[in-house]
């Protein structure tokens, strides 16, 4: 009896493992990109293997609209200096551009909704970041240790800013925020310099 119960438990565990493996997203390749095909037919970039300096990320891979930059997708790309994200992307994952030591400029699309934790963390050379009005969330440490960052515009649409999102940026960092906005409250609470859009056209 005990052996039968044990055997049933083993079979059940094996079945669960098989199901879990079957549910893992399929990894595909297109040029310099590895991507995951989501259930809705859109693509999430999982890894970039190229060596471009100025890069315009494609709006689609193999006919699948690109809607997300996955975790660590561009981590430690030393050649990358300028990157443009296409319209349609809604999220940038955790550490997506971490340790891109040559990155000086990033253009974000009007479709972007969230920037993950430590997305541009550690030694990116960004000096100015303008977040589109579509963004609602900035993850913890998103721009921390970006030593050259002197200015960032945060729209009123942003309702969540994670801990240390702008830790140890340039000493003269100033955030442009709306009066009475959550971003202004964040600046006050974290003793960050800020101004309002009418003072910084």
N, C-alpha and C. Protein backbone atom coordinates (compact mmCIF):
# COMPACT_ATOMS: atom_id res chain seq x y z
N UNK A 1 0.83 -1.21 0.00
CA UNK A 1 0.00 0.00 0.00
C UNK A 1 0.86 1.26 0.00
N UNK A 2 1.87 1.24 0.90
CA UNK A 2 2.75 2.40 0.97
C UNK A 2 3.49 2.61 -0.34
N UNK A 3 3.91 1.47 -0.96
CA UNK A 3 4.62 1.57 -2.23
C UNK A 3 3.72 2.14 -3.31
N UNK A 4 2.45 1.78 -3.30
CA UNK A 4 1.51 2.27 -4.30
C UNK A 4 1.31 3.78 -4.16
N UNK A 5 1.17 4.22 -2.91
CA UNK A 5 1.00 5.66 -2.67
C UNK A 5 2.24 6.42 -3.10
N UNK A 6 3.43 5.88 -2.76
CA UNK A 6 4.68 6.52 -3.13
C UNK A 6 4.82 6.60 -4.64
N UNK A 7 4.46 5.52 -5.32
CA UNK A 7 4.55 5.49 -6.78
C UNK A 7 3.60 6.52 -7.40
N UNK A 8 2.43 6.65 -6.83
CA UNK A 8 1.47 7.63 -7.34
C UNK A 8 2.00 9.06 -7.16
N UNK A 9 2.64 9.31 -6.01
CA UNK A 9 3.21 10.64 -5.76
C UNK A 9 4.32 10.94 -6.73
N UNK A 10 5.17 9.94 -7.01
CA UNK A 10 6.27 10.14 -7.97
C UNK A 10 5.72 10.45 -9.36
N UNK A 11 4.71 9.71 -9.76
CA UNK A 11 4.10 9.93 -11.08
C UNK A 11 3.49 11.33 -11.16
N UNK A 12 2.86 11.74 -10.07
CA UNK A 12 2.23 13.06 -10.04
C UNK A 12 3.27 14.16 -10.15
N UNK A 13 4.39 13.99 -9.45
CA UNK A 13 5.47 14.99 -9.52
C UNK A 13 6.07 15.05 -10.91
N UNK A 14 6.28 13.90 -11.51
CA UNK A 14 6.82 13.86 -12.87
C UNK A 14 5.89 14.54 -13.86
N UNK A 15 4.59 14.29 -13.71
CA UNK A 15 3.61 14.91 -14.60
C UNK A 15 3.62 16.42 -14.45
N UNK A 16 3.77 16.89 -13.21
CA UNK A 16 3.82 18.33 -12.97
C UNK A 16 5.04 18.94 -13.62
N UNK A 17 6.18 18.24 -13.54
CA UNK A 17 7.41 18.74 -14.15
C UNK A 17 7.27 18.83 -15.66
N UNK A 18 6.66 17.81 -16.26
CA UNK A 18 6.45 17.80 -17.71
C UNK A 18 5.56 18.96 -18.13
N UNK A 19 4.49 19.18 -17.35
CA UNK A 19 3.58 20.28 -17.67
C UNK A 19 4.27 21.62 -17.55
N UNK A 20 5.09 21.78 -16.51
CA UNK A 20 5.80 23.04 -16.32
C UNK A 20 6.75 23.29 -17.47
N UNK A 21 7.44 22.22 -17.92
CA UNK A 21 8.36 22.38 -19.04
C UNK A 21 7.62 22.74 -20.31
N UNK A 22 6.43 22.13 -20.48
CA UNK A 22 5.65 22.40 -21.69
C UNK A 22 5.15 23.83 -21.73
N UNK A 23 4.97 24.44 -20.54
CA UNK A 23 4.43 25.79 -20.48
C UNK A 23 5.50 26.87 -20.65
N UNK A 24 6.80 26.48 -20.62
CA UNK A 24 7.86 27.46 -20.80
C UNK A 24 7.75 28.08 -22.19
N UNK A 25 7.95 29.42 -22.27
CA UNK A 25 7.83 30.08 -23.57
C UNK A 25 8.92 29.62 -24.54
N UNK A 26 8.58 29.60 -25.79
CA UNK A 26 9.50 29.13 -26.82
C UNK A 26 10.50 30.22 -27.18
N UNK A 27 11.79 29.89 -27.17
CA UNK A 27 12.85 30.83 -27.53
C UNK A 27 13.12 30.72 -29.03
N UNK A 28 13.12 31.85 -29.70
CA UNK A 28 13.35 31.90 -31.15
C UNK A 28 14.47 32.88 -31.44
N UNK A 29 14.98 32.85 -32.66
CA UNK A 29 16.07 33.74 -33.06
C UNK A 29 15.72 34.45 -34.35
N UNK A 30 16.12 35.72 -34.42
CA UNK A 30 15.93 36.51 -35.63
C UNK A 30 17.08 37.50 -35.73
N UNK A 31 18.02 37.23 -36.61
CA UNK A 31 19.18 38.10 -36.74
C UNK A 31 19.97 38.15 -35.44
N UNK A 32 20.20 39.36 -34.94
CA UNK A 32 20.97 39.54 -33.70
C UNK A 32 20.11 39.43 -32.45
N UNK A 33 18.88 39.01 -32.60
CA UNK A 33 17.95 38.99 -31.47
C UNK A 33 17.49 37.57 -31.17
N UNK A 34 17.46 37.24 -29.88
CA UNK A 34 16.72 36.07 -29.41
C UNK A 34 15.45 36.62 -28.78
N UNK A 35 14.34 35.98 -29.03
CA UNK A 35 13.09 36.50 -28.49
C UNK A 35 12.16 35.38 -28.05
N UNK A 36 11.23 35.76 -27.20
CA UNK A 36 10.22 34.84 -26.70
C UNK A 36 8.88 35.21 -27.32
N UNK A 37 8.19 34.24 -27.83
CA UNK A 37 6.87 34.47 -28.42
C UNK A 37 5.83 34.36 -27.32
N UNK A 38 5.14 35.44 -27.07
CA UNK A 38 4.13 35.46 -26.02
C UNK A 38 2.82 34.82 -26.49
N UNK A 39 1.95 34.57 -25.53
CA UNK A 39 0.68 33.92 -25.84
C UNK A 39 -0.17 34.75 -26.79
N UNK A 40 -0.01 36.07 -26.74
CA UNK A 40 -0.81 36.94 -27.61
C UNK A 40 -0.19 37.13 -28.99
N UNK A 41 0.91 36.41 -29.28
CA UNK A 41 1.53 36.49 -30.59
C UNK A 41 2.56 37.60 -30.72
N UNK A 42 2.80 38.35 -29.65
CA UNK A 42 3.82 39.40 -29.69
C UNK A 42 5.15 38.85 -29.20
N UNK A 43 6.20 39.62 -29.47
CA UNK A 43 7.55 39.18 -29.14
C UNK A 43 8.14 39.97 -27.99
N UNK A 44 8.87 39.27 -27.12
CA UNK A 44 9.64 39.89 -26.05
C UNK A 44 11.11 39.61 -26.32
N UNK A 45 11.90 40.65 -26.50
CA UNK A 45 13.32 40.45 -26.77
C UNK A 45 14.00 39.90 -25.53
N UNK A 46 14.65 38.76 -25.69
CA UNK A 46 15.31 38.10 -24.57
C UNK A 46 16.81 38.36 -24.54
N UNK A 47 17.41 38.56 -25.72
CA UNK A 47 18.86 38.77 -25.77
C UNK A 47 19.26 39.41 -27.09
N UNK A 48 20.18 40.37 -26.99
CA UNK A 48 20.76 40.99 -28.19
C UNK A 48 22.21 40.54 -28.28
N UNK A 49 22.62 40.05 -29.44
CA UNK A 49 23.96 39.51 -29.60
C UNK A 49 24.82 40.32 -30.56
N UNK A 50 24.29 41.45 -31.06
CA UNK A 50 25.03 42.26 -32.01
C UNK A 50 26.04 43.18 -31.35
N UNK A 51 26.72 43.99 -32.21
CA UNK A 51 27.74 44.91 -31.72
C UNK A 51 27.51 46.31 -32.28
N UNK A 52 26.25 46.65 -32.54
CA UNK A 52 25.95 47.97 -33.09
C UNK A 52 26.25 49.07 -32.08
N UNK A 53 26.54 50.26 -32.62
CA UNK A 53 26.71 51.43 -31.76
C UNK A 53 25.38 52.18 -31.66
N UNK A 54 24.87 52.67 -32.78
CA UNK A 54 23.54 53.29 -32.81
C UNK A 54 22.55 52.22 -33.28
N UNK A 55 21.59 51.92 -32.43
CA UNK A 55 20.69 50.79 -32.71
C UNK A 55 19.24 51.22 -32.66
N UNK A 56 18.51 50.93 -33.74
CA UNK A 56 17.07 51.08 -33.75
C UNK A 56 16.46 49.68 -33.64
N UNK A 57 15.90 49.40 -32.49
CA UNK A 57 15.30 48.09 -32.26
C UNK A 57 14.10 47.92 -33.20
N UNK A 58 13.99 46.80 -33.89
CA UNK A 58 12.88 46.63 -34.84
C UNK A 58 11.52 46.57 -34.15
N UNK A 59 10.52 47.05 -34.87
CA UNK A 59 9.15 47.04 -34.33
C UNK A 59 8.53 45.65 -34.38
N UNK A 60 9.12 44.76 -35.19
CA UNK A 60 8.60 43.39 -35.29
C UNK A 60 9.75 42.44 -35.58
N UNK A 61 9.63 41.22 -35.13
CA UNK A 61 10.58 40.15 -35.41
C UNK A 61 9.82 38.99 -36.03
N UNK A 62 10.19 38.64 -37.23
CA UNK A 62 9.51 37.55 -37.95
C UNK A 62 8.00 37.78 -38.01
N UNK A 63 7.61 39.03 -38.15
CA UNK A 63 6.19 39.36 -38.25
C UNK A 63 5.48 39.52 -36.93
N UNK A 64 6.18 39.31 -35.82
CA UNK A 64 5.57 39.43 -34.49
C UNK A 64 5.90 40.80 -33.90
N UNK A 65 4.91 41.60 -33.56
CA UNK A 65 5.18 42.93 -32.99
C UNK A 65 5.98 42.80 -31.69
N UNK A 66 7.01 43.62 -31.57
CA UNK A 66 7.82 43.63 -30.35
C UNK A 66 7.13 44.51 -29.32
N UNK A 67 6.79 43.93 -28.17
CA UNK A 67 6.07 44.69 -27.14
C UNK A 67 6.85 44.80 -25.83
N UNK A 68 7.98 44.10 -25.71
CA UNK A 68 8.70 44.14 -24.44
C UNK A 68 10.19 43.90 -24.64
N UNK A 69 10.98 44.57 -23.80
CA UNK A 69 12.41 44.28 -23.68
C UNK A 69 12.56 43.45 -22.41
N UNK A 70 13.01 42.23 -22.54
CA UNK A 70 13.07 41.32 -21.40
C UNK A 70 14.18 41.62 -20.42
N UNK A 71 14.16 40.93 -19.30
CA UNK A 71 15.19 41.10 -18.28
C UNK A 71 16.58 40.80 -18.87
N UNK A 72 17.52 41.71 -18.64
CA UNK A 72 18.93 41.55 -19.03
C UNK A 72 19.11 41.38 -20.54
N UNK A 73 18.16 41.84 -21.33
CA UNK A 73 18.23 41.61 -22.77
C UNK A 73 19.44 42.27 -23.41
N UNK A 74 19.84 43.44 -22.93
CA UNK A 74 20.97 44.16 -23.50
C UNK A 74 22.08 44.36 -22.46
N UNK A 75 22.09 43.57 -21.43
CA UNK A 75 23.04 43.76 -20.35
C UNK A 75 24.48 43.67 -20.89
N UNK A 76 25.32 44.61 -20.45
CA UNK A 76 26.75 44.60 -20.78
C UNK A 76 26.99 44.57 -22.29
N UNK A 77 26.37 45.52 -23.01
CA UNK A 77 26.66 45.72 -24.44
C UNK A 77 27.57 46.94 -24.55
N UNK A 78 28.88 46.78 -24.50
CA UNK A 78 29.79 47.93 -24.42
C UNK A 78 29.82 48.79 -25.68
N UNK A 79 29.43 48.22 -26.83
CA UNK A 79 29.47 48.98 -28.08
C UNK A 79 28.30 49.96 -28.20
N UNK A 80 27.23 49.72 -27.46
CA UNK A 80 25.98 50.46 -27.64
C UNK A 80 26.09 51.88 -27.09
N UNK A 81 25.89 52.86 -27.98
CA UNK A 81 25.95 54.26 -27.56
C UNK A 81 24.60 54.97 -27.65
N UNK A 82 23.76 54.53 -28.57
CA UNK A 82 22.49 55.20 -28.82
C UNK A 82 21.46 54.14 -29.18
N UNK A 83 20.35 54.08 -28.44
CA UNK A 83 19.33 53.07 -28.72
C UNK A 83 17.96 53.73 -28.81
N UNK A 84 17.20 53.30 -29.81
CA UNK A 84 15.84 53.78 -30.01
C UNK A 84 14.88 52.61 -29.91
N UNK A 85 13.92 52.73 -29.01
CA UNK A 85 12.90 51.70 -28.84
C UNK A 85 11.70 52.06 -29.71
N UNK A 86 11.14 51.11 -30.46
CA UNK A 86 10.05 51.41 -31.37
C UNK A 86 8.71 51.57 -30.65
N UNK A 87 7.78 52.23 -31.32
CA UNK A 87 6.41 52.29 -30.82
C UNK A 87 5.86 50.87 -30.73
N UNK A 88 5.12 50.62 -29.68
CA UNK A 88 4.56 49.29 -29.46
C UNK A 88 5.14 48.64 -28.23
N UNK A 89 6.36 49.02 -27.85
CA UNK A 89 6.96 48.46 -26.65
C UNK A 89 6.30 49.08 -25.42
N UNK A 90 5.87 48.23 -24.51
CA UNK A 90 5.18 48.71 -23.31
C UNK A 90 6.01 48.54 -22.04
N UNK A 91 7.04 47.70 -22.08
CA UNK A 91 7.81 47.49 -20.86
C UNK A 91 9.29 47.24 -21.16
N UNK A 92 10.11 47.73 -20.24
CA UNK A 92 11.55 47.47 -20.26
C UNK A 92 11.85 46.69 -18.99
N UNK A 93 12.44 45.52 -19.12
CA UNK A 93 12.59 44.61 -17.99
C UNK A 93 13.72 44.95 -17.03
N UNK A 94 13.83 44.14 -16.00
CA UNK A 94 14.86 44.30 -14.98
C UNK A 94 16.25 44.17 -15.59
N UNK A 95 17.10 45.14 -15.29
CA UNK A 95 18.49 45.16 -15.75
C UNK A 95 18.62 45.02 -17.26
N UNK A 96 17.63 45.52 -17.97
CA UNK A 96 17.63 45.36 -19.43
C UNK A 96 18.85 45.99 -20.09
N UNK A 97 19.29 47.15 -19.61
CA UNK A 97 20.44 47.85 -20.19
C UNK A 97 21.54 48.09 -19.14
N UNK A 98 21.55 47.28 -18.11
CA UNK A 98 22.56 47.42 -17.06
C UNK A 98 23.96 47.25 -17.63
N UNK A 99 24.86 48.07 -17.14
CA UNK A 99 26.28 48.00 -17.50
C UNK A 99 26.52 48.16 -19.00
N UNK A 100 25.71 48.99 -19.64
CA UNK A 100 25.99 49.42 -21.01
C UNK A 100 26.86 50.67 -20.89
N UNK A 101 28.15 50.47 -20.77
CA UNK A 101 29.06 51.53 -20.33
C UNK A 101 29.27 52.63 -21.37
N UNK A 102 28.80 52.42 -22.61
CA UNK A 102 28.93 53.45 -23.63
C UNK A 102 27.64 54.15 -23.97
N UNK A 103 26.54 53.75 -23.33
CA UNK A 103 25.22 54.25 -23.69
C UNK A 103 25.05 55.70 -23.25
N UNK A 104 24.89 56.58 -24.23
CA UNK A 104 24.75 58.02 -23.94
C UNK A 104 23.36 58.55 -24.25
N UNK A 105 22.59 57.83 -25.05
CA UNK A 105 21.27 58.33 -25.42
C UNK A 105 20.28 57.19 -25.60
N UNK A 106 19.07 57.40 -25.09
CA UNK A 106 18.00 56.42 -25.29
C UNK A 106 16.72 57.17 -25.65
N UNK A 107 16.04 56.70 -26.69
CA UNK A 107 14.78 57.28 -27.13
C UNK A 107 13.67 56.29 -26.80
N UNK A 108 12.74 56.74 -25.96
CA UNK A 108 11.68 55.86 -25.48
C UNK A 108 10.37 56.16 -26.21
N UNK A 109 9.58 55.12 -26.53
CA UNK A 109 8.36 55.31 -27.31
C UNK A 109 7.18 55.79 -26.47
N UNK A 110 6.20 56.36 -27.14
CA UNK A 110 4.99 56.84 -26.47
C UNK A 110 4.10 55.73 -25.97
N UNK A 111 4.45 54.49 -26.28
CA UNK A 111 3.67 53.33 -25.80
C UNK A 111 4.20 52.76 -24.50
N UNK A 112 5.37 53.22 -24.06
CA UNK A 112 6.03 52.62 -22.89
C UNK A 112 5.25 52.89 -21.61
N UNK A 113 5.04 51.84 -20.82
CA UNK A 113 4.28 51.96 -19.57
C UNK A 113 5.13 51.74 -18.34
N UNK A 114 6.11 50.85 -18.40
CA UNK A 114 6.89 50.56 -17.20
C UNK A 114 8.37 50.36 -17.51
N UNK A 115 9.19 50.83 -16.57
CA UNK A 115 10.64 50.65 -16.63
C UNK A 115 11.02 49.83 -15.42
N UNK A 116 11.62 48.68 -15.65
CA UNK A 116 11.86 47.72 -14.58
C UNK A 116 13.00 48.12 -13.65
N UNK A 117 13.13 47.41 -12.53
CA UNK A 117 14.21 47.68 -11.59
C UNK A 117 15.58 47.58 -12.25
N UNK A 118 16.42 48.58 -11.95
CA UNK A 118 17.81 48.61 -12.42
C UNK A 118 17.91 48.52 -13.95
N UNK A 119 16.92 49.03 -14.63
CA UNK A 119 16.89 48.90 -16.09
C UNK A 119 18.12 49.54 -16.76
N UNK A 120 18.54 50.70 -16.26
CA UNK A 120 19.71 51.40 -16.81
C UNK A 120 20.78 51.57 -15.73
N UNK A 121 20.80 50.64 -14.82
CA UNK A 121 21.66 50.68 -13.63
C UNK A 121 23.14 50.53 -13.98
N UNK A 122 23.98 51.27 -13.30
CA UNK A 122 25.43 51.06 -13.25
C UNK A 122 26.18 51.45 -14.52
N UNK A 123 26.72 52.63 -14.49
CA UNK A 123 27.72 53.08 -15.46
C UNK A 123 27.19 53.41 -16.85
N UNK A 124 25.87 53.43 -17.06
CA UNK A 124 25.38 53.99 -18.32
C UNK A 124 25.73 55.48 -18.34
N UNK A 125 26.01 56.02 -19.51
CA UNK A 125 26.47 57.40 -19.63
C UNK A 125 25.35 58.35 -20.04
N UNK A 126 24.13 57.97 -19.78
CA UNK A 126 23.00 58.84 -20.10
C UNK A 126 23.15 60.17 -19.36
N UNK A 127 22.89 61.27 -20.09
CA UNK A 127 22.94 62.58 -19.47
C UNK A 127 21.55 63.18 -19.29
N UNK A 128 20.64 62.77 -20.15
CA UNK A 128 19.29 63.33 -20.12
C UNK A 128 18.30 62.23 -20.51
N UNK A 129 17.20 62.14 -19.79
CA UNK A 129 16.16 61.15 -20.08
C UNK A 129 14.81 61.84 -20.05
N UNK A 130 14.04 61.69 -21.12
CA UNK A 130 12.68 62.23 -21.17
C UNK A 130 11.70 61.06 -21.24
N UNK A 131 10.96 60.88 -20.18
CA UNK A 131 10.00 59.78 -20.14
C UNK A 131 8.69 60.22 -20.80
N UNK A 132 8.12 59.38 -21.67
CA UNK A 132 6.85 59.73 -22.33
C UNK A 132 5.68 59.72 -21.35
N UNK A 133 4.60 60.38 -21.74
CA UNK A 133 3.41 60.50 -20.88
C UNK A 133 2.72 59.17 -20.60
N UNK A 134 3.12 58.13 -21.31
CA UNK A 134 2.49 56.82 -21.12
C UNK A 134 3.06 56.06 -19.92
N UNK A 135 4.23 56.45 -19.44
CA UNK A 135 4.89 55.71 -18.37
C UNK A 135 4.15 55.89 -17.05
N UNK A 136 3.91 54.79 -16.34
CA UNK A 136 3.24 54.84 -15.04
C UNK A 136 4.13 54.33 -13.91
N UNK A 137 5.17 53.56 -14.23
CA UNK A 137 5.98 52.96 -13.17
C UNK A 137 7.46 52.99 -13.51
N UNK A 138 8.27 53.40 -12.53
CA UNK A 138 9.72 53.36 -12.63
C UNK A 138 10.22 52.45 -11.51
N UNK A 139 10.91 51.39 -11.86
CA UNK A 139 11.32 50.40 -10.88
C UNK A 139 12.46 50.87 -9.98
N UNK A 140 12.67 50.15 -8.90
CA UNK A 140 13.72 50.48 -7.95
C UNK A 140 15.09 50.46 -8.63
N UNK A 141 15.87 51.50 -8.37
CA UNK A 141 17.22 51.56 -8.92
C UNK A 141 17.30 51.68 -10.42
N UNK A 142 16.21 52.10 -11.07
CA UNK A 142 16.15 52.10 -12.54
C UNK A 142 17.29 52.87 -13.19
N UNK A 143 17.63 54.02 -12.63
CA UNK A 143 18.70 54.85 -13.20
C UNK A 143 19.83 55.08 -12.18
N UNK A 144 19.90 54.25 -11.17
CA UNK A 144 20.91 54.45 -10.14
C UNK A 144 22.32 54.17 -10.68
N UNK A 145 23.28 54.91 -10.15
CA UNK A 145 24.68 54.81 -10.55
C UNK A 145 24.92 55.21 -12.01
N UNK A 146 23.99 55.99 -12.57
CA UNK A 146 24.23 56.62 -13.88
C UNK A 146 24.89 57.97 -13.58
N UNK A 147 26.19 57.95 -13.46
CA UNK A 147 26.92 59.08 -12.90
C UNK A 147 26.84 60.35 -13.74
N UNK A 148 26.52 60.21 -15.02
CA UNK A 148 26.47 61.38 -15.91
C UNK A 148 25.08 61.98 -16.01
N UNK A 149 24.07 61.34 -15.43
CA UNK A 149 22.70 61.80 -15.60
C UNK A 149 22.46 63.10 -14.83
N UNK A 150 22.17 64.17 -15.57
CA UNK A 150 21.96 65.48 -14.95
C UNK A 150 20.50 65.92 -15.00
N UNK A 151 19.71 65.32 -15.88
CA UNK A 151 18.32 65.77 -16.00
C UNK A 151 17.42 64.62 -16.45
N UNK A 152 16.24 64.57 -15.85
CA UNK A 152 15.21 63.61 -16.26
C UNK A 152 13.85 64.27 -16.14
N UNK A 153 13.01 64.06 -17.14
CA UNK A 153 11.64 64.57 -17.13
C UNK A 153 10.70 63.42 -16.78
N UNK A 154 9.93 63.61 -15.72
CA UNK A 154 9.01 62.57 -15.26
C UNK A 154 7.59 63.10 -15.39
N UNK A 155 6.76 62.50 -16.25
CA UNK A 155 5.40 63.01 -16.47
C UNK A 155 4.48 62.72 -15.30
N UNK A 156 3.35 63.41 -15.30
CA UNK A 156 2.36 63.22 -14.23
C UNK A 156 1.75 61.83 -14.24
N UNK A 157 1.88 61.12 -15.36
CA UNK A 157 1.32 59.77 -15.46
C UNK A 157 2.03 58.78 -14.55
N UNK A 158 3.25 59.10 -14.15
CA UNK A 158 4.02 58.19 -13.28
C UNK A 158 3.45 58.25 -11.87
N UNK A 159 2.96 57.12 -11.41
CA UNK A 159 2.37 57.05 -10.06
C UNK A 159 3.21 56.21 -9.11
N UNK A 160 4.20 55.52 -9.63
CA UNK A 160 5.05 54.67 -8.78
C UNK A 160 6.51 54.83 -9.18
N UNK A 161 7.33 55.22 -8.21
CA UNK A 161 8.78 55.32 -8.41
C UNK A 161 9.44 54.50 -7.32
N UNK A 162 10.22 53.50 -7.71
CA UNK A 162 10.82 52.59 -6.75
C UNK A 162 11.97 53.21 -5.97
N UNK A 163 12.35 52.52 -4.93
CA UNK A 163 13.42 52.98 -4.06
C UNK A 163 14.73 53.16 -4.84
N UNK A 164 15.41 54.26 -4.56
CA UNK A 164 16.73 54.54 -5.13
C UNK A 164 16.73 54.56 -6.66
N UNK A 165 15.62 54.96 -7.25
CA UNK A 165 15.53 54.99 -8.71
C UNK A 165 16.58 55.89 -9.33
N UNK A 166 16.98 56.94 -8.61
CA UNK A 166 17.98 57.89 -9.13
C UNK A 166 19.15 58.04 -8.17
N UNK A 167 19.51 56.96 -7.52
CA UNK A 167 20.60 56.99 -6.54
C UNK A 167 21.95 57.19 -7.22
N UNK A 168 22.76 58.09 -6.68
CA UNK A 168 24.12 58.32 -7.13
C UNK A 168 24.22 58.60 -8.62
N UNK A 169 23.33 59.46 -9.09
CA UNK A 169 23.48 60.04 -10.43
C UNK A 169 24.39 61.26 -10.29
N UNK A 170 24.43 62.11 -11.30
CA UNK A 170 25.29 63.30 -11.22
C UNK A 170 24.89 64.16 -10.03
N UNK A 171 25.86 64.81 -9.38
CA UNK A 171 25.54 65.67 -8.23
C UNK A 171 24.57 66.80 -8.57
N UNK A 172 24.52 67.19 -9.85
CA UNK A 172 23.64 68.29 -10.27
C UNK A 172 22.33 67.78 -10.86
N UNK A 173 21.98 66.52 -10.62
CA UNK A 173 20.75 65.97 -11.17
C UNK A 173 19.53 66.79 -10.76
N UNK A 174 18.72 67.14 -11.76
CA UNK A 174 17.45 67.83 -11.52
C UNK A 174 16.36 67.09 -12.27
N UNK A 175 15.25 66.83 -11.57
CA UNK A 175 14.11 66.16 -12.18
C UNK A 175 13.04 67.19 -12.49
N UNK A 176 12.53 67.17 -13.71
CA UNK A 176 11.41 68.04 -14.08
C UNK A 176 10.12 67.28 -13.83
N UNK A 177 9.29 67.81 -12.94
CA UNK A 177 8.07 67.11 -12.51
C UNK A 177 6.91 68.08 -12.47
N UNK A 178 5.70 67.57 -12.54
CA UNK A 178 4.51 68.40 -12.46
C UNK A 178 4.23 68.84 -11.04
N UNK A 179 3.71 70.05 -10.85
CA UNK A 179 3.36 70.53 -9.50
C UNK A 179 2.34 69.61 -8.84
N UNK A 180 2.62 69.18 -7.63
CA UNK A 180 1.69 68.33 -6.90
C UNK A 180 1.63 66.90 -7.38
N UNK A 181 2.52 66.51 -8.27
CA UNK A 181 2.50 65.15 -8.83
C UNK A 181 3.18 64.17 -7.88
N UNK A 182 2.92 62.86 -8.07
CA UNK A 182 3.64 61.86 -7.28
C UNK A 182 5.16 61.99 -7.44
N UNK A 183 5.61 62.39 -8.62
CA UNK A 183 7.04 62.55 -8.84
C UNK A 183 7.60 63.70 -8.00
N UNK A 184 6.84 64.77 -7.86
CA UNK A 184 7.28 65.87 -7.00
C UNK A 184 7.36 65.40 -5.55
N UNK A 185 6.36 64.65 -5.11
CA UNK A 185 6.39 64.11 -3.75
C UNK A 185 7.62 63.23 -3.55
N UNK A 186 7.94 62.44 -4.57
CA UNK A 186 9.11 61.57 -4.49
C UNK A 186 10.39 62.39 -4.32
N UNK A 187 10.49 63.47 -5.07
CA UNK A 187 11.68 64.34 -4.98
C UNK A 187 11.81 64.93 -3.58
N UNK A 188 10.70 65.39 -3.04
CA UNK A 188 10.72 66.00 -1.71
C UNK A 188 11.12 64.97 -0.66
N UNK A 189 10.54 63.78 -0.77
CA UNK A 189 10.81 62.74 0.22
C UNK A 189 12.26 62.25 0.15
N UNK A 190 12.85 62.31 -1.05
CA UNK A 190 14.20 61.78 -1.23
C UNK A 190 15.26 62.87 -1.40
N UNK A 191 14.84 64.11 -1.14
CA UNK A 191 15.78 65.25 -1.15
C UNK A 191 16.49 65.39 -2.51
N UNK A 192 15.70 65.26 -3.58
CA UNK A 192 16.23 65.42 -4.93
C UNK A 192 15.84 66.79 -5.47
N UNK A 193 16.75 67.43 -6.19
CA UNK A 193 16.45 68.71 -6.81
C UNK A 193 15.43 68.53 -7.92
N UNK A 194 14.49 69.49 -8.01
CA UNK A 194 13.48 69.39 -9.06
C UNK A 194 13.04 70.78 -9.49
N UNK A 195 12.43 70.81 -10.68
CA UNK A 195 11.78 72.02 -11.15
C UNK A 195 10.50 71.62 -11.88
N UNK A 196 9.76 72.63 -12.37
CA UNK A 196 8.50 72.38 -13.05
C UNK A 196 8.64 72.63 -14.55
N UNK A 197 7.79 72.01 -15.36
CA UNK A 197 7.94 72.13 -16.82
C UNK A 197 7.98 73.56 -17.33
N UNK A 198 7.19 74.46 -16.72
CA UNK A 198 7.16 75.84 -17.20
C UNK A 198 8.49 76.55 -16.98
N UNK A 199 9.32 76.00 -16.07
CA UNK A 199 10.63 76.59 -15.82
C UNK A 199 11.74 75.93 -16.63
N UNK A 200 11.35 74.89 -17.36
CA UNK A 200 12.35 74.15 -18.13
C UNK A 200 11.74 73.69 -19.45
N UNK A 201 11.43 74.64 -20.32
CA UNK A 201 10.72 74.31 -21.58
C UNK A 201 11.58 73.45 -22.51
